[in-house]
Every structure is written in structure tokens, then in C-alpha cells.
């Protein structure tokens, strides 16, 4: 699958995609645009790439973790995927 280039879409298109992605939080269809994480992880995931956000999101789901919670397991997954922490 090609990577999404957000520089090539209009602001209105991005807003619509973001609104749609909010509905996909918690499902395999999550695109990586909307925020799903605990406030505790905002500094790490806010600046993460779309791909990294999707990986974190999907790993949380695969491990049966609640998306909006914070735990050592959540943070371990974030560190493993972002590799810059």
C-alpha cells in the first residue's frame, strides 16, 4: 500500500478524513490520523508518524489493552515502535 501524503490533500479533505478516522478508533480500519491514546503519552504519539500511530494502535488491540489507559505494557509497546524514546 502506498503511504498517504497529507501534503497533497486539501485542508477540508484532511478534516473529513480525521472525522472518519475518529470513528475507526478501536478497529483494524484506524488510519493513524485521530488521537486515541492516554494523555500520559501525548508527547510521544502526537509527533509520531501515521504508520507509527497505526502500529501502536494495532499492537494495543492485539494485546487486549484499552486504548485510553496507561500502563507499563502500553509504554513498552510505544518505546518498541517509536525507537526514539
C-alpha atoms as a PDB file:
ATOM      1  CA  UNK A   1       0.000   0.000   0.000  1.00  0.00           C
ATOM      2  CA  UNK A   2       1.260   3.488  -0.849  1.00  0.00           C
ATOM      3  CA  UNK A   3       1.928   5.885   2.002  1.00  0.00           C
ATOM      4  CA  UNK A   4      -0.555   8.690   2.486  1.00  0.00           C
ATOM      5  CA  UNK A   5       0.913  12.052   1.520  1.00  0.00           C
ATOM      6  CA  UNK A   6      -1.006  14.597   3.587  1.00  0.00           C
ATOM      7  CA  UNK A   7       0.689  17.455   1.738  1.00  0.00           C
ATOM      8  CA  UNK A   8      -1.236  16.525  -1.382  1.00  0.00           C
ATOM      9  CA  UNK A   9      -4.760  16.909   0.043  1.00  0.00           C
ATOM     10  CA  UNK A  10      -6.810  19.965   0.891  1.00  0.00           C
ATOM     11  CA  UNK A  11      -7.495  21.094   4.448  1.00  0.00           C
ATOM     12  CA  UNK A  12     -11.159  20.219   4.013  1.00  0.00           C
ATOM     13  CA  UNK A  13     -10.269  16.719   2.846  1.00  0.00           C
ATOM     14  CA  UNK A  14      -7.970  16.242   5.850  1.00  0.00           C
ATOM     15  CA  UNK A  15     -10.714  17.371   8.260  1.00  0.00           C
ATOM     16  CA  UNK A  16     -13.148  14.887   6.727  1.00  0.00           C
ATOM     17  CA  UNK A  17     -10.570  12.085   6.880  1.00  0.00           C
ATOM     18  CA  UNK A  18      -9.801  12.919  10.521  1.00  0.00           C
ATOM     19  CA  UNK A  19     -13.511  12.833  11.391  1.00  0.00           C
ATOM     20  CA  UNK A  20     -13.849   9.460   9.686  1.00  0.00           C
ATOM     21  CA  UNK A  21     -10.748   8.118  11.420  1.00  0.00           C
ATOM     22  CA  UNK A  22     -12.211   9.018  14.816  1.00  0.00           C
ATOM     23  CA  UNK A  23     -14.951   6.512  14.044  1.00  0.00           C
ATOM     24  CA  UNK A  24     -12.321   3.870  13.228  1.00  0.00           C
ATOM     25  CA  UNK A  25     -10.534   4.095  16.592  1.00  0.00           C
ATOM     26  CA  UNK A  26     -10.557   0.637  18.145  1.00  0.00           C
ATOM     27  CA  UNK A  27     -10.900  -1.147  14.818  1.00  0.00           C
ATOM     28  CA  UNK A  28      -8.431  -2.520  12.254  1.00  0.00           C
ATOM     29  CA  UNK A  29      -9.548   0.281   9.904  1.00  0.00           C
ATOM     30  CA  UNK A  30      -7.876   3.018  12.006  1.00  0.00           C
ATOM     31  CA  UNK A  31      -5.785   5.151   9.618  1.00  0.00           C
ATOM     32  CA  UNK A  32      -3.424   6.871  12.072  1.00  0.00           C
ATOM     33  CA  UNK A  33      -4.839  10.403  11.939  1.00  0.00           C
ATOM     34  CA  UNK A  34      -7.061  10.677  15.024  1.00  0.00           C
ATOM     35  CA  UNK A  35      -5.807  10.730  18.627  1.00  0.00           C
ATOM     36  CA  UNK A  36      -6.630   7.570  20.587  1.00  0.00           C
ATOM     37  CA  UNK A  37      -4.062   7.485  23.399  1.00  0.00           C
ATOM     38  CA  UNK A  38      -3.905   8.361  27.064  1.00  0.00           C
ATOM     39  CA  UNK A  39      -2.964  11.927  27.966  1.00  0.00           C
ATOM     40  CA  UNK A  40       0.188  10.471  29.518  1.00  0.00           C
ATOM     41  CA  UNK A  41       1.543   9.521  26.070  1.00  0.00           C
ATOM     42  CA  UNK A  42       0.655  12.743  24.253  1.00  0.00           C
ATOM     43  CA  UNK A  43       4.282  13.895  23.840  1.00  0.00           C
ATOM     44  CA  UNK A  44       5.306  10.613  22.248  1.00  0.00           C
ATOM     45  CA  UNK A  45       2.378   9.896  19.944  1.00  0.00           C
ATOM     46  CA  UNK A  46       1.348  13.405  18.931  1.00  0.00           C
ATOM     47  CA  UNK A  47       4.508  13.712  16.823  1.00  0.00           C
ATOM     48  CA  UNK A  48       4.598  10.074  15.693  1.00  0.00           C
ATOM     49  CA  UNK A  49       4.124   9.255  12.032  1.00  0.00           C
ATOM     50  CA  UNK A  50       0.834   7.903  10.736  1.00  0.00           C
ATOM     51  CA  UNK A  51       2.438   4.497  10.325  1.00  0.00           C
ATOM     52  CA  UNK A  52       3.816   4.530  13.881  1.00  0.00           C
ATOM     53  CA  UNK A  53       0.418   5.539  15.289  1.00  0.00           C
ATOM     54  CA  UNK A  54      -1.263   2.696  13.410  1.00  0.00           C
ATOM     55  CA  UNK A  55       1.314   0.217  14.701  1.00  0.00           C
ATOM     56  CA  UNK A  56       0.897   1.364  18.296  1.00  0.00           C
ATOM     57  CA  UNK A  57      -2.898   1.322  17.981  1.00  0.00           C
ATOM     58  CA  UNK A  58      -2.953  -2.162  16.452  1.00  0.00           C
ATOM     59  CA  UNK A  59      -0.472  -3.524  18.998  1.00  0.00           C
ATOM     60  CA  UNK A  60      -2.599  -2.185  21.846  1.00  0.00           C
ATOM     61  CA  UNK A  61      -5.578  -4.008  20.338  1.00  0.00           C
ATOM     62  CA  UNK A  62      -3.597  -7.202  19.697  1.00  0.00           C
ATOM     63  CA  UNK A  63      -2.521  -7.309  23.346  1.00  0.00           C
ATOM     64  CA  UNK A  64      -6.058  -6.621  24.544  1.00  0.00           C
ATOM     65  CA  UNK A  65      -5.125  -3.241  26.026  1.00  0.00           C
ATOM     66  CA  UNK A  66      -7.642  -0.462  26.496  1.00  0.00           C
ATOM     67  CA  UNK A  67      -6.614   2.363  24.182  1.00  0.00           C
ATOM     68  CA  UNK A  68      -7.181   5.243  26.601  1.00  0.00           C
ATOM     69  CA  UNK A  69      -5.405   3.625  29.586  1.00  0.00           C
ATOM     70  CA  UNK A  70      -1.776   3.929  30.623  1.00  0.00           C
ATOM     71  CA  UNK A  71       0.392   1.073  31.877  1.00  0.00           C
ATOM     72  CA  UNK A  72       3.903  -0.297  31.668  1.00  0.00           C
ATOM     73  CA  UNK A  73       2.757  -2.575  28.815  1.00  0.00           C
ATOM     74  CA  UNK A  74       1.361   0.419  26.884  1.00  0.00           C
ATOM     75  CA  UNK A  75       4.632   2.298  27.315  1.00  0.00           C
ATOM     76  CA  UNK A  76       6.720  -0.746  26.370  1.00  0.00           C
ATOM     77  CA  UNK A  77       4.832  -1.006  23.072  1.00  0.00           C
ATOM     78  CA  UNK A  78       5.254   2.714  22.376  1.00  0.00           C
ATOM     79  CA  UNK A  79       9.015   2.562  23.081  1.00  0.00           C
ATOM     80  CA  UNK A  80       9.423  -0.520  20.889  1.00  0.00           C
ATOM     81  CA  UNK A  81       7.675   1.086  17.920  1.00  0.00           C
ATOM     82  CA  UNK A  82       8.964   4.654  18.172  1.00  0.00           C
ATOM     83  CA  UNK A  83      12.574   3.624  18.960  1.00  0.00           C
ATOM     84  CA  UNK A  84      13.428   7.282  19.714  1.00  0.00           C
ATOM     85  CA  UNK A  85      12.463   7.174  23.376  1.00  0.00           C
END
